[in-house]
Amino acid sequence: MITYKQYHIQRFEQGHKRWIARITRTDGQNIRTILPASEHSYLDTKPATSAEEAEKLAREGIDFGGVV
């Protein structure tokens, strides 16, 4: 698990060459999204072909994806 800004990113393999990254807040609070306006205890990325690619998707989601 890595910490990026105020979030934890954990990578998981789901099947052969199918990776996702799970985003949670470091303080344990729910993650709020802008569109649609909602709250979640965690968010998963779409599947990627490598752990590094899944982590990159998570970082992009945090930086540009409307996660607060």
PDB file of N, CA and C in Angstrom:
ATOM      1  N   MET A   1       0.850  -1.168   0.000  1.00  0.00           N
ATOM      2  CA  MET A   1       0.000   0.000   0.000  1.00  0.00           C
ATOM      3  C   MET A   1       0.899   1.236   0.000  1.00  0.00           C
ATOM      4  N   ILE A   2       0.522   2.208  -0.818  1.00  0.00           N
ATOM      5  CA  ILE A   2       1.263   3.463  -0.836  1.00  0.00           C
ATOM      6  C   ILE A   2       0.335   4.588  -0.383  1.00  0.00           C
ATOM      7  N   THR A   3       0.926   5.661   0.079  1.00  0.00           N
ATOM      8  CA  THR A   3       0.165   6.847   0.447  1.00  0.00           C
ATOM      9  C   THR A   3       0.454   7.916  -0.589  1.00  0.00           C
ATOM     10  N   TYR A   4      -0.603   8.494  -1.131  1.00  0.00           N
ATOM     11  CA  TYR A   4      -0.490   9.541  -2.140  1.00  0.00           C
ATOM     12  C   TYR A   4      -1.435  10.658  -1.740  1.00  0.00           C
ATOM     13  N   LYS A   5      -0.858  11.828  -1.475  1.00  0.00           N
ATOM     14  CA  LYS A   5      -1.613  12.962  -0.947  1.00  0.00           C
ATOM     15  C   LYS A   5      -2.314  12.494   0.324  1.00  0.00           C
ATOM     16  N   GLN A   6      -3.623  12.608   0.433  1.00  0.00           N
ATOM     17  CA  GLN A   6      -4.311  12.162   1.653  1.00  0.00           C
ATOM     18  C   GLN A   6      -5.061  10.846   1.439  1.00  0.00           C
ATOM     19  N   TYR A   7      -4.528  10.013   0.538  1.00  0.00           N
ATOM     20  CA  TYR A   7      -5.187   8.756   0.186  1.00  0.00           C
ATOM     21  C   TYR A   7      -4.211   7.585   0.252  1.00  0.00           C
ATOM     22  N   HIS A   8      -4.748   6.404   0.534  1.00  0.00           N
ATOM     23  CA  HIS A   8      -4.004   5.154   0.415  1.00  0.00           C
ATOM     24  C   HIS A   8      -4.404   4.514  -0.908  1.00  0.00           C
ATOM     25  N   ILE A   9      -3.431   3.942  -1.598  1.00  0.00           N
ATOM     26  CA  ILE A   9      -3.687   3.201  -2.833  1.00  0.00           C
ATOM     27  C   ILE A   9      -3.157   1.788  -2.626  1.00  0.00           C
ATOM     28  N   GLN A  10      -4.046   0.820  -2.785  1.00  0.00           N
ATOM     29  CA  GLN A  10      -3.662  -0.581  -2.636  1.00  0.00           C
ATOM     30  C   GLN A  10      -3.978  -1.304  -3.938  1.00  0.00           C
ATOM     31  N   ARG A  11      -3.002  -2.058  -4.441  1.00  0.00           N
ATOM     32  CA  ARG A  11      -3.170  -2.762  -5.721  1.00  0.00           C
ATOM     33  C   ARG A  11      -3.570  -4.213  -5.475  1.00  0.00           C
ATOM     34  N   PHE A  12      -4.503  -4.704  -6.302  1.00  0.00           N
ATOM     35  CA  PHE A  12      -4.985  -6.082  -6.206  1.00  0.00           C
ATOM     36  C   PHE A  12      -4.987  -6.714  -7.587  1.00  0.00           C
ATOM     37  N   GLU A  13      -4.620  -7.984  -7.637  1.00  0.00           N
ATOM     38  CA  GLU A  13      -4.741  -8.721  -8.890  1.00  0.00           C
ATOM     39  C   GLU A  13      -6.066  -9.477  -8.869  1.00  0.00           C
ATOM     40  N   GLN A  14      -6.861  -9.275  -9.903  1.00  0.00           N
ATOM     41  CA  GLN A  14      -8.155  -9.956 -10.028  1.00  0.00           C
ATOM     42  C   GLN A  14      -8.137 -10.789 -11.297  1.00  0.00           C
ATOM     43  N   GLY A  15      -7.601 -11.965 -11.197  1.00  0.00           N
ATOM     44  CA  GLY A  15      -7.485 -12.817 -12.371  1.00  0.00           C
ATOM     45  C   GLY A  15      -6.147 -12.603 -13.060  1.00  0.00           C
ATOM     46  N   HIS A  16      -5.967 -13.285 -14.164  1.00  0.00           N
ATOM     47  CA  HIS A  16      -4.706 -13.244 -14.902  1.00  0.00           C
ATOM     48  C   HIS A  16      -4.519 -11.892 -15.594  1.00  0.00           C
ATOM     49  N   LYS A  17      -3.455 -11.172 -15.225  1.00  0.00           N
ATOM     50  CA  LYS A  17      -3.115  -9.868 -15.816  1.00  0.00           C
ATOM     51  C   LYS A  17      -4.275  -8.885 -15.762  1.00  0.00           C
ATOM     52  N   ARG A  18      -4.962  -8.883 -14.636  1.00  0.00           N
ATOM     53  CA  ARG A  18      -6.092  -7.981 -14.457  1.00  0.00           C
ATOM     54  C   ARG A  18      -5.950  -7.348 -13.075  1.00  0.00           C
ATOM     55  N   TRP A  19      -5.488  -6.111 -13.044  1.00  0.00           N
ATOM     56  CA  TRP A  19      -5.186  -5.411 -11.803  1.00  0.00           C
ATOM     57  C   TRP A  19      -6.135  -4.243 -11.590  1.00  0.00           C
ATOM     58  N   ILE A  20      -6.487  -4.010 -10.324  1.00  0.00           N
ATOM     59  CA  ILE A  20      -7.221  -2.806  -9.946  1.00  0.00           C
ATOM     60  C   ILE A  20      -6.480  -2.157  -8.783  1.00  0.00           C
ATOM     61  N   ALA A  21      -6.758  -0.887  -8.569  1.00  0.00           N
ATOM     62  CA  ALA A  21      -6.229  -0.189  -7.402  1.00  0.00           C
ATOM     63  C   ALA A  21      -7.413   0.314  -6.591  1.00  0.00           C
ATOM     64  N   ARG A  22      -7.338   0.134  -5.292  1.00  0.00           N
ATOM     65  CA  ARG A  22      -8.395   0.595  -4.387  1.00  0.00           C
ATOM     66  C   ARG A  22      -7.906   1.847  -3.670  1.00  0.00           C
ATOM     67  N   ILE A  23      -8.726   2.883  -3.710  1.00  0.00           N
ATOM     68  CA  ILE A  23      -8.398   4.167  -3.096  1.00  0.00           C
ATOM     69  C   ILE A  23      -9.220   4.322  -1.821  1.00  0.00           C
ATOM     70  N   THR A  24      -8.545   4.618  -0.711  1.00  0.00           N
ATOM     71  CA  THR A  24      -9.212   4.935   0.551  1.00  0.00           C
ATOM     72  C   THR A  24      -8.562   6.190   1.127  1.00  0.00           C
ATOM     73  N   ARG A  25      -9.254   6.854   2.021  1.00  0.00           N
ATOM     74  CA  ARG A  25      -8.686   8.043   2.667  1.00  0.00           C
ATOM     75  C   ARG A  25      -7.818   7.630   3.844  1.00  0.00           C
ATOM     76  N   THR A  26      -6.741   8.362   4.075  1.00  0.00           N
ATOM     77  CA  THR A  26      -5.841   8.035   5.179  1.00  0.00           C
ATOM     78  C   THR A  26      -6.495   8.261   6.537  1.00  0.00           C
ATOM     79  N   ASP A  27      -7.461   9.184   6.611  1.00  0.00           N
ATOM     80  CA  ASP A  27      -8.109   9.477   7.894  1.00  0.00           C
ATOM     81  C   ASP A  27      -9.341   8.612   8.151  1.00  0.00           C
ATOM     82  N   GLY A  28      -9.657   7.693   7.228  1.00  0.00           N
ATOM     83  CA  GLY A  28     -10.769   6.775   7.421  1.00  0.00           C
ATOM     84  C   GLY A  28     -12.135   7.326   7.041  1.00  0.00           C
ATOM     85  N   GLN A  29     -12.212   8.596   6.677  1.00  0.00           N
ATOM     86  CA  GLN A  29     -13.497   9.166   6.277  1.00  0.00           C
ATOM     87  C   GLN A  29     -13.885   8.669   4.892  1.00  0.00           C
ATOM     88  N   ASN A  30     -15.165   8.856   4.550  1.00  0.00           N
ATOM     89  CA  ASN A  30     -15.631   8.481   3.223  1.00  0.00           C
ATOM     90  C   ASN A  30     -15.039   9.403   2.168  1.00  0.00           C
ATOM     91  N   ILE A  31     -14.903   8.868   0.964  1.00  0.00           N
ATOM     92  CA  ILE A  31     -14.454   9.651  -0.188  1.00  0.00           C
ATOM     93  C   ILE A  31     -15.688  10.250  -0.832  1.00  0.00           C
ATOM     94  N   ARG A  32     -15.648  11.540  -1.072  1.00  0.00           N
ATOM     95  CA  ARG A  32     -16.756  12.210  -1.754  1.00  0.00           C
ATOM     96  C   ARG A  32     -16.388  12.394  -3.217  1.00  0.00           C
ATOM     97  N   THR A  33     -17.335  12.118  -4.094  1.00  0.00           N
ATOM     98  CA  THR A  33     -17.136  12.352  -5.521  1.00  0.00           C
ATOM     99  C   THR A  33     -18.045  13.490  -5.964  1.00  0.00           C
ATOM    100  N   ILE A  34     -17.609  14.177  -7.010  1.00  0.00           N
ATOM    101  CA  ILE A  34     -18.360  15.331  -7.501  1.00  0.00           C
ATOM    102  C   ILE A  34     -19.488  14.897  -8.438  1.00  0.00           C
ATOM    103  N   LEU A  35     -19.165  14.078  -9.436  1.00  0.00           N
ATOM    104  CA  LEU A  35     -20.174  13.609 -10.392  1.00  0.00           C
ATOM    105  C   LEU A  35     -20.144  12.095 -10.469  1.00  0.00           C
ATOM    106  N   PRO A  36     -21.130  11.403 -10.085  1.00  0.00           N
ATOM    107  CA  PRO A  36     -22.305  11.906  -9.379  1.00  0.00           C
ATOM    108  C   PRO A  36     -21.939  12.224  -7.932  1.00  0.00           C
ATOM    109  N   ALA A  37     -22.636  13.150  -7.345  1.00  0.00           N
ATOM    110  CA  ALA A  37     -22.377  13.538  -5.959  1.00  0.00           C
ATOM    111  C   ALA A  37     -22.734  12.365  -5.045  1.00  0.00           C
ATOM    112  N   SER A  38     -21.712  11.778  -4.431  1.00  0.00           N
ATOM    113  CA  SER A  38     -21.937  10.628  -3.554  1.00  0.00           C
ATOM    114  C   SER A  38     -20.736  10.436  -2.636  1.00  0.00           C
ATOM    115  N   GLU A  39     -20.882   9.538  -1.673  1.00  0.00           N
ATOM    116  CA  GLU A  39     -19.804   9.205  -0.745  1.00  0.00           C
ATOM    117  C   GLU A  39     -19.597   7.694  -0.736  1.00  0.00           C
ATOM    118  N   HIS A  40     -18.325   7.291  -0.632  1.00  0.00           N
ATOM    119  CA  HIS A  40     -17.967   5.871  -0.644  1.00  0.00           C
ATOM    120  C   HIS A  40     -16.844   5.627   0.352  1.00  0.00           C
ATOM    121  N   SER A  41     -16.811   4.448   0.945  1.00  0.00           N
ATOM    122  CA  SER A  41     -15.707   4.112   1.848  1.00  0.00           C
ATOM    123  C   SER A  41     -14.429   3.834   1.065  1.00  0.00           C
ATOM    124  N   TYR A  42     -14.571   3.419  -0.203  1.00  0.00           N
ATOM    125  CA  TYR A  42     -13.427   3.213  -1.092  1.00  0.00           C
ATOM    126  C   TYR A  42     -13.889   3.342  -2.534  1.00  0.00           C
ATOM    127  N   LEU A  43     -12.927   3.530  -3.428  1.00  0.00           N
ATOM    128  CA  LEU A  43     -13.188   3.540  -4.867  1.00  0.00           C
ATOM    129  C   LEU A  43     -12.187   2.614  -5.535  1.00  0.00           C
ATOM    130  N   ASP A  44     -12.637   1.847  -6.522  1.00  0.00           N
ATOM    131  CA  ASP A  44     -11.755   0.977  -7.297  1.00  0.00           C
ATOM    132  C   ASP A  44     -11.577   1.556  -8.692  1.00  0.00           C
ATOM    133  N   THR A  45     -10.381   1.384  -9.243  1.00  0.00           N
ATOM    134  CA  THR A  45     -10.142   1.794 -10.622  1.00  0.00           C
ATOM    135  C   THR A  45     -10.722   0.751 -11.566  1.00  0.00           C
ATOM    136  N   LYS A  46     -10.778   1.106 -12.831  1.00  0.00           N
ATOM    137  CA  LYS A  46     -11.139   0.094 -13.823  1.00  0.00           C
ATOM    138  C   LYS A  46      -9.959  -0.868 -13.951  1.00  0.00           C
ATOM    139  N   PRO A  47     -10.179  -2.077 -14.441  1.00  0.00           N
ATOM    140  CA  PRO A  47      -9.087  -3.050 -14.553  1.00  0.00           C
ATOM    141  C   PRO A  47      -7.974  -2.570 -15.495  1.00  0.00           C
ATOM    142  N   ALA A  48      -6.742  -2.904 -15.135  1.00  0.00           N
ATOM    143  CA  ALA A  48      -5.566  -2.566 -15.938  1.00  0.00           C
ATOM    144  C   ALA A  48      -4.736  -3.835 -16.126  1.00  0.00           C
ATOM    145  N   THR A  49      -3.774  -3.777 -17.038  1.00  0.00           N
ATOM    146  CA  THR A  49      -2.966  -4.963 -17.343  1.00  0.00           C
ATOM    147  C   THR A  49      -1.773  -5.148 -16.413  1.00  0.00           C
ATOM    148  N   SER A  50      -1.462  -4.138 -15.590  1.00  0.00           N
ATOM    149  CA  SER A  50      -0.348  -4.271 -14.650  1.00  0.00           C
ATOM    150  C   SER A  50      -0.666  -3.505 -13.368  1.00  0.00           C
ATOM    151  N   ALA A  51       0.044  -3.856 -12.305  1.00  0.00           N
ATOM    152  CA  ALA A  51      -0.135  -3.168 -11.028  1.00  0.00           C
ATOM    153  C   ALA A  51       0.245  -1.697 -11.153  1.00  0.00           C
ATOM    154  N   GLU A  52       1.297  -1.424 -11.904  1.00  0.00           N
ATOM    155  CA  GLU A  52       1.755  -0.045 -12.084  1.00  0.00           C
ATOM    156  C   GLU A  52       0.719   0.791 -12.832  1.00  0.00           C
ATOM    157  N   GLU A  53       0.103   0.198 -13.836  1.00  0.00           N
ATOM    158  CA  GLU A  53      -0.928   0.907 -14.602  1.00  0.00           C
ATOM    159  C   GLU A  53      -2.155   1.183 -13.726  1.00  0.00           C
ATOM    160  N   ALA A  54      -2.527   0.227 -12.888  1.00  0.00           N
ATOM    161  CA  ALA A  54      -3.656   0.430 -11.973  1.00  0.00           C
ATOM    162  C   ALA A  54      -3.347   1.558 -10.993  1.00  0.00           C
ATOM    163  N   GLU A  55      -2.122   1.595 -10.487  1.00  0.00           N
ATOM    164  CA  GLU A  55      -1.725   2.672  -9.572  1.00  0.00           C
ATOM    165  C   GLU A  55      -1.755   4.023 -10.280  1.00  0.00           C
ATOM    166  N   LYS A  56      -1.313   4.051 -11.520  1.00  0.00           N
ATOM    167  CA  LYS A  56      -1.343   5.291 -12.306  1.00  0.00           C
ATOM    168  C   LYS A  56      -2.782   5.782 -12.476  1.00  0.00           C
ATOM    169  N   LEU A  57      -3.701   4.870 -12.752  1.00  0.00           N
ATOM    170  CA  LEU A  57      -5.114   5.239 -12.878  1.00  0.00           C
ATOM    171  C   LEU A  57      -5.644   5.823 -11.565  1.00  0.00           C
ATOM    172  N   ALA A  58      -5.237   5.237 -10.444  1.00  0.00           N
ATOM    173  CA  ALA A  58      -5.673   5.740  -9.140  1.00  0.00           C
ATOM    174  C   ALA A  58      -5.146   7.152  -8.900  1.00  0.00           C
ATOM    175  N   ARG A  59      -3.873   7.383  -9.199  1.00  0.00           N
ATOM    176  CA  ARG A  59      -3.292   8.717  -9.023  1.00  0.00           C
ATOM    177  C   ARG A  59      -3.998   9.741  -9.913  1.00  0.00           C
ATOM    178  N   GLU A  60      -4.285   9.363 -11.154  1.00  0.00           N
ATOM    179  CA  GLU A  60      -4.998  10.267 -12.059  1.00  0.00           C
ATOM    180  C   GLU A  60      -6.401  10.558 -11.539  1.00  0.00           C
ATOM    181  N   GLY A  61      -7.051   9.549 -10.989  1.00  0.00           N
ATOM    182  CA  GLY A  61      -8.380   9.758 -10.418  1.00  0.00           C
ATOM    183  C   GLY A  61      -8.345  10.730  -9.255  1.00  0.00           C
ATOM    184  N   ILE A  62      -7.321  10.619  -8.429  1.00  0.00           N
ATOM    185  CA  ILE A  62      -7.175  11.538  -7.297  1.00  0.00           C
ATOM    186  C   ILE A  62      -6.875  12.947  -7.799  1.00  0.00           C
ATOM    187  N   ASP A  63      -5.972  13.061  -8.766  1.00  0.00           N
ATOM    188  CA  ASP A  63      -5.556  14.377  -9.252  1.00  0.00           C
ATOM    189  C   ASP A  63      -6.604  15.069 -10.117  1.00  0.00           C
ATOM    190  N   PHE A  64      -7.261  14.323 -10.995  1.00  0.00           N
ATOM    191  CA  PHE A  64      -8.113  14.949 -12.003  1.00  0.00           C
ATOM    192  C   PHE A  64      -9.549  14.454 -12.025  1.00  0.00           C
ATOM    193  N   GLY A  65      -9.883  13.466 -11.208  1.00  0.00           N
ATOM    194  CA  GLY A  65     -11.167  12.796 -11.363  1.00  0.00           C
ATOM    195  C   GLY A  65     -12.298  13.258 -10.473  1.00  0.00           C
ATOM    196  N   GLY A  66     -12.142  14.342  -9.759  1.00  0.00           N
ATOM    197  CA  GLY A  66     -13.249  14.823  -8.945  1.00  0.00           C
ATOM    198  C   GLY A  66     -13.408  14.108  -7.619  1.00  0.00           C
ATOM    199  N   VAL A  67     -12.309  13.554  -7.089  1.00  0.00           N
ATOM    200  CA  VAL A  67     -12.343  12.892  -5.789  1.00  0.00           C
ATOM    201  C   VAL A  67     -11.982  13.919  -4.724  1.00  0.00           C
ATOM    202  N   VAL A  68     -12.808  14.019  -3.659  1.00  0.00           N
ATOM    203  CA  VAL A  68     -12.522  14.946  -2.554  1.00  0.00           C
ATOM    204  C   VAL A  68     -12.609  14.241  -1.220  1.00  0.00           C
TER     205      VAL A  68
END
